[in-house]
Amino acid sequence: MSDAHAHYYHSHDLPRFGEIGNDAPHLAEKFFAWYNAVFDEGALTQREKSLIALAVAHAVQCPYCIDAYSGDCLQKGADTEQMTEAIHVAAAIRGGASLVHGIQMRNHADRLGM
């Protein structure tokens, strides 16, 4: 494979996620039990949780999660308009979080007397 076509993300790796437990099955078991419990129906519907997961996937820029939760959202009845809105919410929070750190910069500049 040439360097021009080499990249970190390979979509065929997503179904292999379960292999994370190959060398630490006791830890993987605990993770997957917790992970599955998180996505059970509760105060939020599974559809709502999937939309949240899609938004977070974009915020943390995980292509595997984006693929997984794009499909999951559609499977659970969300449409692309709802999914796009969820992504915009994540982008707004991420942008706001970056901007509010400008106060930290200003505080530091003030301490330095600049």
PDB file of N, CA and C in Angstrom:
ATOM      1  N   MET A   1       0.853  -1.176   0.000  1.00  0.00           N
ATOM      2  CA  MET A   1       0.000   0.000   0.000  1.00  0.00           C
ATOM      3  C   MET A   1       0.897   1.235   0.000  1.00  0.00           C
ATOM      4  N   SER A   2       0.607   2.151  -0.881  1.00  0.00           N
ATOM      5  CA  SER A   2       1.421   3.360  -0.957  1.00  0.00           C
ATOM      6  C   SER A   2       1.080   4.290   0.197  1.00  0.00           C
ATOM      7  N   ASP A   3       2.002   5.193   0.505  1.00  0.00           N
ATOM      8  CA  ASP A   3       1.761   6.157   1.580  1.00  0.00           C
ATOM      9  C   ASP A   3       0.549   7.025   1.295  1.00  0.00           C
ATOM     10  N   ALA A   4       0.278   7.286   0.011  1.00  0.00           N
ATOM     11  CA  ALA A   4      -0.867   8.115  -0.360  1.00  0.00           C
ATOM     12  C   ALA A   4      -2.185   7.459   0.022  1.00  0.00           C
ATOM     13  N   HIS A   5      -2.203   6.127   0.113  1.00  0.00           N
ATOM     14  CA  HIS A   5      -3.435   5.413   0.431  1.00  0.00           C
ATOM     15  C   HIS A   5      -3.439   4.827   1.843  1.00  0.00           C
ATOM     16  N   ALA A   6      -2.375   5.004   2.551  1.00  0.00           N
ATOM     17  CA  ALA A   6      -2.307   4.482   3.917  1.00  0.00           C
ATOM     18  C   ALA A   6      -2.973   5.463   4.870  1.00  0.00           C
ATOM     19  N   HIS A   7      -3.753   4.939   5.773  1.00  0.00           N
ATOM     20  CA  HIS A   7      -4.351   5.768   6.811  1.00  0.00           C
ATOM     21  C   HIS A   7      -4.652   4.895   8.022  1.00  0.00           C
ATOM     22  N   TYR A   8      -4.930   5.549   9.091  1.00  0.00           N
ATOM     23  CA  TYR A   8      -5.118   4.862  10.363  1.00  0.00           C
ATOM     24  C   TYR A   8      -6.441   4.108  10.421  1.00  0.00           C
ATOM     25  N   TYR A   9      -7.508   4.725   9.913  1.00  0.00           N
ATOM     26  CA  TYR A   9      -8.844   4.160  10.014  1.00  0.00           C
ATOM     27  C   TYR A   9      -9.113   3.158   8.903  1.00  0.00           C
ATOM     28  N   HIS A  10      -9.572   1.981   9.279  1.00  0.00           N
ATOM     29  CA  HIS A  10      -9.965   0.952   8.321  1.00  0.00           C
ATOM     30  C   HIS A  10     -11.353   0.460   8.741  1.00  0.00           C
ATOM     31  N   SER A  11     -12.347   0.727   7.932  1.00  0.00           N
ATOM     32  CA  SER A  11     -13.727   0.402   8.302  1.00  0.00           C
ATOM     33  C   SER A  11     -13.918  -1.082   8.607  1.00  0.00           C
ATOM     34  N   HIS A  12     -13.125  -1.938   8.010  1.00  0.00           N
ATOM     35  CA  HIS A  12     -13.269  -3.371   8.278  1.00  0.00           C
ATOM     36  C   HIS A  12     -12.812  -3.742   9.703  1.00  0.00           C
ATOM     37  N   ASP A  13     -12.173  -2.820  10.395  1.00  0.00           N
ATOM     38  CA  ASP A  13     -11.768  -3.091  11.778  1.00  0.00           C
ATOM     39  C   ASP A  13     -12.914  -2.920  12.773  1.00  0.00           C
ATOM     40  N   LEU A  14     -13.940  -2.149  12.420  1.00  0.00           N
ATOM     41  CA  LEU A  14     -15.039  -1.887  13.351  1.00  0.00           C
ATOM     42  C   LEU A  14     -15.675  -3.168  13.886  1.00  0.00           C
ATOM     43  N   PRO A  15     -15.999  -4.141  13.038  1.00  0.00           N
ATOM     44  CA  PRO A  15     -16.599  -5.373  13.577  1.00  0.00           C
ATOM     45  C   PRO A  15     -15.660  -6.170  14.487  1.00  0.00           C
ATOM     46  N   ARG A  16     -14.410  -5.817  14.510  1.00  0.00           N
ATOM     47  CA  ARG A  16     -13.426  -6.523  15.342  1.00  0.00           C
ATOM     48  C   ARG A  16     -13.320  -5.932  16.750  1.00  0.00           C
ATOM     49  N   PHE A  17     -14.182  -4.977  17.075  1.00  0.00           N
ATOM     50  CA  PHE A  17     -14.100  -4.280  18.362  1.00  0.00           C
ATOM     51  C   PHE A  17     -14.039  -5.244  19.539  1.00  0.00           C
ATOM     52  N   GLY A  18     -14.763  -6.335  19.454  1.00  0.00           N
ATOM     53  CA  GLY A  18     -14.765  -7.316  20.537  1.00  0.00           C
ATOM     54  C   GLY A  18     -13.403  -7.896  20.841  1.00  0.00           C
ATOM     55  N   GLU A  19     -12.497  -7.794  19.889  1.00  0.00           N
ATOM     56  CA  GLU A  19     -11.151  -8.332  20.092  1.00  0.00           C
ATOM     57  C   GLU A  19     -10.340  -7.543  21.115  1.00  0.00           C
ATOM     58  N   ILE A  20     -10.859  -6.395  21.554  1.00  0.00           N
ATOM     59  CA  ILE A  20     -10.115  -5.632  22.563  1.00  0.00           C
ATOM     60  C   ILE A  20      -9.935  -6.438  23.839  1.00  0.00           C
ATOM     61  N   GLY A  21     -10.750  -7.468  24.004  1.00  0.00           N
ATOM     62  CA  GLY A  21     -10.652  -8.297  25.191  1.00  0.00           C
ATOM     63  C   GLY A  21      -9.733  -9.489  25.061  1.00  0.00           C
ATOM     64  N   ASN A  22      -9.092  -9.651  23.935  1.00  0.00           N
ATOM     65  CA  ASN A  22      -8.261 -10.840  23.725  1.00  0.00           C
ATOM     66  C   ASN A  22      -7.178 -11.022  24.782  1.00  0.00           C
ATOM     67  N   ASP A  23      -6.559  -9.964  25.210  1.00  0.00           N
ATOM     68  CA  ASP A  23      -5.462 -10.085  26.173  1.00  0.00           C
ATOM     69  C   ASP A  23      -5.850  -9.693  27.593  1.00  0.00           C
ATOM     70  N   ALA A  24      -7.081  -9.246  27.762  1.00  0.00           N
ATOM     71  CA  ALA A  24      -7.575  -8.896  29.098  1.00  0.00           C
ATOM     72  C   ALA A  24      -9.083  -9.162  29.145  1.00  0.00           C
ATOM     73  N   PRO A  25      -9.476 -10.425  29.028  1.00  0.00           N
ATOM     74  CA  PRO A  25     -10.907 -10.735  28.941  1.00  0.00           C
ATOM     75  C   PRO A  25     -11.715 -10.289  30.156  1.00  0.00           C
ATOM     76  N   HIS A  26     -11.123 -10.338  31.335  1.00  0.00           N
ATOM     77  CA  HIS A  26     -11.854  -9.931  32.533  1.00  0.00           C
ATOM     78  C   HIS A  26     -12.176  -8.433  32.499  1.00  0.00           C
ATOM     79  N   LEU A  27     -11.287  -7.632  31.945  1.00  0.00           N
ATOM     80  CA  LEU A  27     -11.545  -6.195  31.831  1.00  0.00           C
ATOM     81  C   LEU A  27     -12.539  -5.912  30.722  1.00  0.00           C
ATOM     82  N   ALA A  28     -12.413  -6.603  29.601  1.00  0.00           N
ATOM     83  CA  ALA A  28     -13.354  -6.416  28.496  1.00  0.00           C
ATOM     84  C   ALA A  28     -14.767  -6.791  28.921  1.00  0.00           C
ATOM     85  N   GLU A  29     -14.881  -7.870  29.682  1.00  0.00           N
ATOM     86  CA  GLU A  29     -16.199  -8.298  30.164  1.00  0.00           C
ATOM     87  C   GLU A  29     -16.850  -7.200  30.993  1.00  0.00           C
ATOM     88  N   LYS A  30     -16.089  -6.591  31.867  1.00  0.00           N
ATOM     89  CA  LYS A  30     -16.615  -5.509  32.706  1.00  0.00           C
ATOM     90  C   LYS A  30     -16.990  -4.288  31.854  1.00  0.00           C
ATOM     91  N   PHE A  31     -16.119  -3.950  30.892  1.00  0.00           N
ATOM     92  CA  PHE A  31     -16.405  -2.812  30.023  1.00  0.00           C
ATOM     93  C   PHE A  31     -17.693  -3.048  29.245  1.00  0.00           C
ATOM     94  N   PHE A  32     -17.809  -4.217  28.589  1.00  0.00           N
ATOM     95  CA  PHE A  32     -18.975  -4.471  27.760  1.00  0.00           C
ATOM     96  C   PHE A  32     -20.251  -4.585  28.584  1.00  0.00           C
ATOM     97  N   ALA A  33     -20.187  -5.095  29.801  1.00  0.00           N
ATOM     98  CA  ALA A  33     -21.372  -5.136  30.666  1.00  0.00           C
ATOM     99  C   ALA A  33     -21.832  -3.719  30.981  1.00  0.00           C
ATOM    100  N   TRP A  34     -20.881  -2.854  31.321  1.00  0.00           N
ATOM    101  CA  TRP A  34     -21.209  -1.460  31.625  1.00  0.00           C
ATOM    102  C   TRP A  34     -21.710  -0.738  30.373  1.00  0.00           C
ATOM    103  N   TYR A  35     -20.987  -0.902  29.275  1.00  0.00           N
ATOM    104  CA  TYR A  35     -21.339  -0.255  28.004  1.00  0.00           C
ATOM    105  C   TYR A  35     -22.756  -0.627  27.587  1.00  0.00           C
ATOM    106  N   ASN A  36     -23.079  -1.905  27.635  1.00  0.00           N
ATOM    107  CA  ASN A  36     -24.422  -2.351  27.253  1.00  0.00           C
ATOM    108  C   ASN A  36     -25.480  -1.822  28.202  1.00  0.00           C
ATOM    109  N   ALA A  37     -25.180  -1.756  29.487  1.00  0.00           N
ATOM    110  CA  ALA A  37     -26.130  -1.217  30.458  1.00  0.00           C
ATOM    111  C   ALA A  37     -26.397   0.258  30.198  1.00  0.00           C
ATOM    112  N   VAL A  38     -25.362   1.000  29.823  1.00  0.00           N
ATOM    113  CA  VAL A  38     -25.512   2.423  29.526  1.00  0.00           C
ATOM    114  C   VAL A  38     -26.536   2.633  28.414  1.00  0.00           C
ATOM    115  N   PHE A  39     -26.525   1.768  27.415  1.00  0.00           N
ATOM    116  CA  PHE A  39     -27.400   1.949  26.256  1.00  0.00           C
ATOM    117  C   PHE A  39     -28.761   1.279  26.397  1.00  0.00           C
ATOM    118  N   ASP A  40     -29.027   0.653  27.549  1.00  0.00           N
ATOM    119  CA  ASP A  40     -30.362   0.119  27.804  1.00  0.00           C
ATOM    120  C   ASP A  40     -31.352   1.273  27.912  1.00  0.00           C
ATOM    121  N   GLU A  41     -32.608   0.974  27.600  1.00  0.00           N
ATOM    122  CA  GLU A  41     -33.683   1.956  27.760  1.00  0.00           C
ATOM    123  C   GLU A  41     -33.733   2.378  29.222  1.00  0.00           C
ATOM    124  N   GLY A  42     -33.869   3.646  29.453  1.00  0.00           N
ATOM    125  CA  GLY A  42     -33.940   4.177  30.816  1.00  0.00           C
ATOM    126  C   GLY A  42     -34.722   5.475  30.789  1.00  0.00           C
ATOM    127  N   ALA A  43     -34.231   6.485  31.485  1.00  0.00           N
ATOM    128  CA  ALA A  43     -34.870   7.796  31.436  1.00  0.00           C
ATOM    129  C   ALA A  43     -34.807   8.358  30.015  1.00  0.00           C
ATOM    130  N   LEU A  44     -33.782   7.945  29.265  1.00  0.00           N
ATOM    131  CA  LEU A  44     -33.656   8.294  27.851  1.00  0.00           C
ATOM    132  C   LEU A  44     -33.960   7.063  27.020  1.00  0.00           C
ATOM    133  N   THR A  45     -34.562   7.282  25.862  1.00  0.00           N
ATOM    134  CA  THR A  45     -34.821   6.161  24.959  1.00  0.00           C
ATOM    135  C   THR A  45     -33.504   5.716  24.327  1.00  0.00           C
ATOM    136  N   GLN A  46     -33.504   4.526  23.780  1.00  0.00           N
ATOM    137  CA  GLN A  46     -32.319   4.056  23.077  1.00  0.00           C
ATOM    138  C   GLN A  46     -32.014   4.944  21.875  1.00  0.00           C
ATOM    139  N   ARG A  47     -33.042   5.476  21.218  1.00  0.00           N
ATOM    140  CA  ARG A  47     -32.857   6.392  20.092  1.00  0.00           C
ATOM    141  C   ARG A  47     -32.168   7.663  20.548  1.00  0.00           C
ATOM    142  N   GLU A  48     -32.619   8.222  21.665  1.00  0.00           N
ATOM    143  CA  GLU A  48     -31.985   9.446  22.200  1.00  0.00           C
ATOM    144  C   GLU A  48     -30.530   9.182  22.573  1.00  0.00           C
ATOM    145  N   LYS A  49     -30.268   8.045  23.195  1.00  0.00           N
ATOM    146  CA  LYS A  49     -28.895   7.701  23.567  1.00  0.00           C
ATOM    147  C   LYS A  49     -28.025   7.533  22.330  1.00  0.00           C
ATOM    148  N   SER A  50     -28.586   6.976  21.283  1.00  0.00           N
ATOM    149  CA  SER A  50     -27.830   6.804  20.051  1.00  0.00           C
ATOM    150  C   SER A  50     -27.494   8.160  19.425  1.00  0.00           C
ATOM    151  N   LEU A  51     -28.432   9.106  19.461  1.00  0.00           N
ATOM    152  CA  LEU A  51     -28.160  10.451  18.947  1.00  0.00           C
ATOM    153  C   LEU A  51     -27.075  11.147  19.775  1.00  0.00           C
ATOM    154  N   ILE A  52     -27.118  10.963  21.085  1.00  0.00           N
ATOM    155  CA  ILE A  52     -26.067  11.516  21.945  1.00  0.00           C
ATOM    156  C   ILE A  52     -24.727  10.895  21.580  1.00  0.00           C
ATOM    157  N   ALA A  53     -24.713   9.580  21.410  1.00  0.00           N
ATOM    158  CA  ALA A  53     -23.476   8.881  21.064  1.00  0.00           C
ATOM    159  C   ALA A  53     -22.924   9.371  19.728  1.00  0.00           C
ATOM    160  N   LEU A  54     -23.810   9.623  18.766  1.00  0.00           N
ATOM    161  CA  LEU A  54     -23.372  10.133  17.472  1.00  0.00           C
ATOM    162  C   LEU A  54     -22.738  11.513  17.623  1.00  0.00           C
ATOM    163  N   ALA A  55     -23.357  12.355  18.421  1.00  0.00           N
ATOM    164  CA  ALA A  55     -22.814  13.699  18.652  1.00  0.00           C
ATOM    165  C   ALA A  55     -21.452  13.624  19.345  1.00  0.00           C
ATOM    166  N   VAL A  56     -21.350  12.793  20.371  1.00  0.00           N
ATOM    167  CA  VAL A  56     -20.076  12.634  21.079  1.00  0.00           C
ATOM    168  C   VAL A  56     -19.019  12.058  20.141  1.00  0.00           C
ATOM    169  N   ALA A  57     -19.411  11.111  19.299  1.00  0.00           N
ATOM    170  CA  ALA A  57     -18.478  10.516  18.341  1.00  0.00           C
ATOM    171  C   ALA A  57     -17.856  11.584  17.452  1.00  0.00           C
ATOM    172  N   HIS A  58     -18.651  12.559  17.057  1.00  0.00           N
ATOM    173  CA  HIS A  58     -18.116  13.653  16.252  1.00  0.00           C
ATOM    174  C   HIS A  58     -17.233  14.568  17.090  1.00  0.00           C
ATOM    175  N   ALA A  59     -17.621  14.806  18.329  1.00  0.00           N
ATOM    176  CA  ALA A  59     -16.819  15.681  19.198  1.00  0.00           C
ATOM    177  C   ALA A  59     -15.444  15.079  19.471  1.00  0.00           C
ATOM    178  N   VAL A  60     -15.394  13.761  19.654  1.00  0.00           N
ATOM    179  CA  VAL A  60     -14.104  13.124  19.924  1.00  0.00           C
ATOM    180  C   VAL A  60     -13.438  12.637  18.634  1.00  0.00           C
ATOM    181  N   GLN A  61     -14.116  12.831  17.527  1.00  0.00           N
ATOM    182  CA  GLN A  61     -13.609  12.525  16.185  1.00  0.00           C
ATOM    183  C   GLN A  61     -13.172  11.071  16.033  1.00  0.00           C
ATOM    184  N   CYS A  62     -14.080  10.172  16.415  1.00  0.00           N
ATOM    185  CA  CYS A  62     -13.817   8.732  16.282  1.00  0.00           C
ATOM    186  C   CYS A  62     -14.558   8.204  15.054  1.00  0.00           C
ATOM    187  N   PRO A  63     -13.834   7.919  13.972  1.00  0.00           N
ATOM    188  CA  PRO A  63     -14.515   7.454  12.761  1.00  0.00           C
ATOM    189  C   PRO A  63     -15.235   6.124  12.959  1.00  0.00           C
ATOM    190  N   TYR A  64     -14.721   5.269  13.828  1.00  0.00           N
ATOM    191  CA  TYR A  64     -15.389   3.999  14.094  1.00  0.00           C
ATOM    192  C   TYR A  64     -16.743   4.253  14.759  1.00  0.00           C
ATOM    193  N   CYS A  65     -16.759   5.147  15.732  1.00  0.00           N
ATOM    194  CA  CYS A  65     -18.002   5.472  16.436  1.00  0.00           C
ATOM    195  C   CYS A  65     -18.985   6.199  15.521  1.00  0.00           C
ATOM    196  N   ILE A  66     -18.463   7.064  14.653  1.00  0.00           N
ATOM    197  CA  ILE A  66     -19.332   7.763  13.700  1.00  0.00           C
ATOM    198  C   ILE A  66     -20.030   6.746  12.808  1.00  0.00           C
ATOM    199  N   ASP A  67     -19.278   5.790  12.281  1.00  0.00           N
ATOM    200  CA  ASP A  67     -19.888   4.741  11.450  1.00  0.00           C
ATOM    201  C   ASP A  67     -20.915   3.946  12.248  1.00  0.00           C
ATOM    202  N   ALA A  68     -20.524   3.507  13.432  1.00  0.00           N
ATOM    203  CA  ALA A  68     -21.404   2.656  14.243  1.00  0.00           C
ATOM    204  C   ALA A  68     -22.690   3.387  14.616  1.00  0.00           C
ATOM    205  N   TYR A  69     -22.579   4.622  15.070  1.00  0.00           N
ATOM    206  CA  TYR A  69     -23.771   5.323  15.565  1.00  0.00           C
ATOM    207  C   TYR A  69     -24.565   5.999  14.467  1.00  0.00           C
ATOM    208  N   SER A  70     -23.977   6.215  13.295  1.00  0.00           N
ATOM    209  CA  SER A  70     -24.790   6.660  12.156  1.00  0.00           C
ATOM    210  C   SER A  70     -25.781   5.556  11.802  1.00  0.00           C
ATOM    211  N   GLY A  71     -25.274   4.342  11.690  1.00  0.00           N
ATOM    212  CA  GLY A  71     -26.148   3.207  11.401  1.00  0.00           C
ATOM    213  C   GLY A  71     -27.137   2.936  12.516  1.00  0.00           C
ATOM    214  N   ASP A  72     -26.673   3.033  13.761  1.00  0.00           N
ATOM    215  CA  ASP A  72     -27.542   2.766  14.908  1.00  0.00           C
ATOM    216  C   ASP A  72     -28.669   3.787  14.994  1.00  0.00           C
ATOM    217  N   CYS A  73     -28.352   5.046  14.747  1.00  0.00           N
ATOM    218  CA  CYS A  73     -29.393   6.088  14.768  1.00  0.00           C
ATOM    219  C   CYS A  73     -30.467   5.794  13.730  1.00  0.00           C
ATOM    220  N   LEU A  74     -30.045   5.481  12.516  1.00  0.00           N
ATOM    221  CA  LEU A  74     -31.007   5.177  11.457  1.00  0.00           C
ATOM    222  C   LEU A  74     -31.837   3.956  11.814  1.00  0.00           C
ATOM    223  N   GLN A  75     -31.182   2.947  12.377  1.00  0.00           N
ATOM    224  CA  GLN A  75     -31.894   1.724  12.771  1.00  0.00           C
ATOM    225  C   GLN A  75     -32.924   2.005  13.858  1.00  0.00           C
ATOM    226  N   LYS A  76     -32.640   2.955  14.714  1.00  0.00           N
ATOM    227  CA  LYS A  76     -33.541   3.256  15.825  1.00  0.00           C
ATOM    228  C   LYS A  76     -34.561   4.346  15.475  1.00  0.00           C
ATOM    229  N   GLY A  77     -34.627   4.729  14.195  1.00  0.00           N
ATOM    230  CA  GLY A  77     -35.694   5.620  13.748  1.00  0.00           C
ATOM    231  C   GLY A  77     -35.335   7.082  13.626  1.00  0.00           C
ATOM    232  N   ALA A  78     -34.082   7.454  13.864  1.00  0.00           N
ATOM    233  CA  ALA A  78     -33.681   8.843  13.666  1.00  0.00           C
ATOM    234  C   ALA A  78     -33.507   9.094  12.170  1.00  0.00           C
ATOM    235  N   ASP A  79     -33.699  10.340  11.765  1.00  0.00           N
ATOM    236  CA  ASP A  79     -33.454  10.674  10.367  1.00  0.00           C
ATOM    237  C   ASP A  79     -32.218  11.572  10.276  1.00  0.00           C
ATOM    238  N   THR A  80     -31.778  11.814   9.055  1.00  0.00           N
ATOM    239  CA  THR A  80     -30.537  12.572   8.882  1.00  0.00           C
ATOM    240  C   THR A  80     -30.664  14.017   9.368  1.00  0.00           C
ATOM    241  N   GLU A  81     -31.863  14.572   9.360  1.00  0.00           N
ATOM    242  CA  GLU A  81     -32.043  15.925   9.893  1.00  0.00           C
ATOM    243  C   GLU A  81     -31.772  15.935  11.402  1.00  0.00           C
ATOM    244  N   GLN A  82     -32.306  14.958  12.121  1.00  0.00           N
ATOM    245  CA  GLN A  82     -32.066  14.857  13.562  1.00  0.00           C
ATOM    246  C   GLN A  82     -30.600  14.577  13.849  1.00  0.00           C
ATOM    247  N   MET A  83     -29.998  13.706  13.060  1.00  0.00           N
ATOM    248  CA  MET A  83     -28.599  13.361  13.255  1.00  0.00           C
ATOM    249  C   MET A  83     -27.708  14.576  13.012  1.00  0.00           C
ATOM    250  N   THR A  84     -28.019  15.333  11.963  1.00  0.00           N
ATOM    251  CA  THR A  84     -27.243  16.540  11.664  1.00  0.00           C
ATOM    252  C   THR A  84     -27.385  17.569  12.777  1.00  0.00           C
ATOM    253  N   GLU A  85     -28.594  17.722  13.306  1.00  0.00           N
ATOM    254  CA  GLU A  85     -28.805  18.655  14.413  1.00  0.00           C
ATOM    255  C   GLU A  85     -28.011  18.234  15.641  1.00  0.00           C
ATOM    256  N   ALA A  86     -27.971  16.945  15.927  1.00  0.00           N
ATOM    257  CA  ALA A  86     -27.186  16.446  17.063  1.00  0.00           C
ATOM    258  C   ALA A  86     -25.712  16.774  16.875  1.00  0.00           C
ATOM    259  N   ILE A  87     -25.218  16.633  15.652  1.00  0.00           N
ATOM    260  CA  ILE A  87     -23.814  16.954  15.367  1.00  0.00           C
ATOM    261  C   ILE A  87     -23.549  18.442  15.555  1.00  0.00           C
ATOM    262  N   HIS A  88     -24.503  19.262  15.156  1.00  0.00           N
ATOM    263  CA  HIS A  88     -24.344  20.714  15.359  1.00  0.00           C
ATOM    264  C   HIS A  88     -24.322  21.067  16.847  1.00  0.00           C
ATOM    265  N   VAL A  89     -25.111  20.359  17.642  1.00  0.00           N
ATOM    266  CA  VAL A  89     -25.069  20.589  19.099  1.00  0.00           C
ATOM    267  C   VAL A  89     -23.671  20.279  19.619  1.00  0.00           C
ATOM    268  N   ALA A  90     -23.121  19.151  19.199  1.00  0.00           N
ATOM    269  CA  ALA A  90     -21.769  18.781  19.639  1.00  0.00           C
ATOM    270  C   ALA A  90     -20.748  19.812  19.186  1.00  0.00           C
ATOM    271  N   ALA A  91     -20.875  20.277  17.954  1.00  0.00           N
ATOM    272  CA  ALA A  91     -19.934  21.270  17.430  1.00  0.00           C
ATOM    273  C   ALA A  91     -20.047  22.587  18.196  1.00  0.00           C
ATOM    274  N   ALA A  92     -21.264  22.983  18.552  1.00  0.00           N
ATOM    275  CA  ALA A  92     -21.456  24.226  19.301  1.00  0.00           C
ATOM    276  C   ALA A  92     -20.837  24.125  20.691  1.00  0.00           C
ATOM    277  N   ILE A  93     -21.024  22.991  21.341  1.00  0.00           N
ATOM    278  CA  ILE A  93     -20.437  22.800  22.669  1.00  0.00           C
ATOM    279  C   ILE A  93     -18.919  22.774  22.567  1.00  0.00           C
ATOM    280  N   ARG A  94     -18.409  22.071  21.577  1.00  0.00           N
ATOM    281  CA  ARG A  94     -16.953  22.002  21.407  1.00  0.00           C
ATOM    282  C   ARG A  94     -16.380  23.382  21.092  1.00  0.00           C
ATOM    283  N   GLY A  95     -17.053  24.131  20.214  1.00  0.00           N
ATOM    284  CA  GLY A  95     -16.599  25.483  19.888  1.00  0.00           C
ATOM    285  C   GLY A  95     -16.660  26.401  21.090  1.00  0.00           C
ATOM    286  N   GLY A  96     -17.749  26.319  21.834  1.00  0.00           N
ATOM    287  CA  GLY A  96     -17.886  27.151  23.032  1.00  0.00           C
ATOM    288  C   GLY A  96     -16.840  26.817  24.076  1.00  0.00           C
ATOM    289  N   ALA A  97     -16.540  25.535  24.218  1.00  0.00           N
ATOM    290  CA  ALA A  97     -15.518  25.119  25.178  1.00  0.00           C
ATOM    291  C   ALA A  97     -14.159  25.681  24.789  1.00  0.00           C
ATOM    292  N   SER A  98     -13.882  25.707  23.494  1.00  0.00           N
ATOM    293  CA  SER A  98     -12.615  26.301  23.041  1.00  0.00           C
ATOM    294  C   SER A  98     -12.596  27.797  23.328  1.00  0.00           C
ATOM    295  N   LEU A  99     -13.684  28.459  23.033  1.00  0.00           N
ATOM    296  CA  LEU A  99     -13.735  29.911  23.209  1.00  0.00           C
ATOM    297  C   LEU A  99     -13.673  30.329  24.674  1.00  0.00           C
ATOM    298  N   VAL A 100     -14.339  29.590  25.559  1.00  0.00           N
ATOM    299  CA  VAL A 100     -14.342  29.979  26.966  1.00  0.00           C
ATOM    300  C   VAL A 100     -12.951  29.858  27.568  1.00  0.00           C
ATOM    301  N   HIS A 101     -12.096  29.018  26.986  1.00  0.00           N
ATOM    302  CA  HIS A 101     -10.717  28.945  27.462  1.00  0.00           C
ATOM    303  C   HIS A 101      -9.955  30.225  27.142  1.00  0.00           C
ATOM    304  N   GLY A 102     -10.544  31.075  26.301  1.00  0.00           N
ATOM    305  CA  GLY A 102      -9.962  32.391  26.062  1.00  0.00           C
ATOM    306  C   GLY A 102      -9.899  33.211  27.342  1.00  0.00           C
ATOM    307  N   ILE A 103     -10.793  32.950  28.269  1.00  0.00           N
ATOM    308  CA  ILE A 103     -10.756  33.627  29.568  1.00  0.00           C
ATOM    309  C   ILE A 103      -9.503  33.213  30.327  1.00  0.00           C
ATOM    310  N   GLN A 104      -9.152  31.931  30.235  1.00  0.00           N
ATOM    311  CA  GLN A 104      -7.917  31.458  30.866  1.00  0.00           C
ATOM    312  C   GLN A 104      -6.722  32.202  30.276  1.00  0.00           C
ATOM    313  N   MET A 105      -6.728  32.370  28.964  1.00  0.00           N
ATOM    314  CA  MET A 105      -5.644  33.098  28.301  1.00  0.00           C
ATOM    315  C   MET A 105      -5.591  34.539  28.806  1.00  0.00           C
ATOM    316  N   ARG A 106      -6.747  35.171  28.909  1.00  0.00           N
ATOM    317  CA  ARG A 106      -6.797  36.559  29.380  1.00  0.00           C
ATOM    318  C   ARG A 106      -6.315  36.668  30.830  1.00  0.00           C
ATOM    319  N   ASN A 107      -6.740  35.714  31.660  1.00  0.00           N
ATOM    320  CA  ASN A 107      -6.285  35.718  33.052  1.00  0.00           C
ATOM    321  C   ASN A 107      -4.771  35.572  33.119  1.00  0.00           C
ATOM    322  N   HIS A 108      -4.206  34.715  32.316  1.00  0.00           N
ATOM    323  CA  HIS A 108      -2.771  34.505  32.303  1.00  0.00           C
ATOM    324  C   HIS A 108      -2.063  35.771  31.812  1.00  0.00           C
ATOM    325  N   ALA A 109      -2.583  36.365  30.764  1.00  0.00           N
ATOM    326  CA  ALA A 109      -1.981  37.614  30.248  1.00  0.00           C
ATOM    327  C   ALA A 109      -2.058  38.710  31.294  1.00  0.00           C
ATOM    328  N   ASP A 110      -3.178  38.793  32.025  1.00  0.00           N
ATOM    329  CA  ASP A 110      -3.314  39.802  33.084  1.00  0.00           C
ATOM    330  C   ASP A 110      -2.270  39.558  34.192  1.00  0.00           C
ATOM    331  N   ARG A 111      -2.066  38.277  34.573  1.00  0.00           N
ATOM    332  CA  ARG A 111      -1.084  37.969  35.598  1.00  0.00           C
ATOM    333  C   ARG A 111       0.329  38.374  35.163  1.00  0.00           C
ATOM    334  N   LEU A 112       0.584  38.260  33.879  1.00  0.00           N
ATOM    335  CA  LEU A 112       1.899  38.635  33.354  1.00  0.00           C
ATOM    336  C   LEU A 112       2.030  40.145  33.128  1.00  0.00           C
ATOM    337  N   GLY A 113       0.901  40.836  33.314  1.00  0.00           N
ATOM    338  CA  GLY A 113       0.912  42.297  33.178  1.00  0.00           C
ATOM    339  C   GLY A 113       0.980  42.767  31.745  1.00  0.00           C
ATOM    340  N   MET A 114       0.418  42.003  30.858  1.00  0.00           N
ATOM    341  CA  MET A 114       0.470  42.385  29.438  1.00  0.00           C
ATOM    342  C   MET A 114      -0.837  42.938  28.967  1.00  0.00           C
TER     343      MET A 114
END
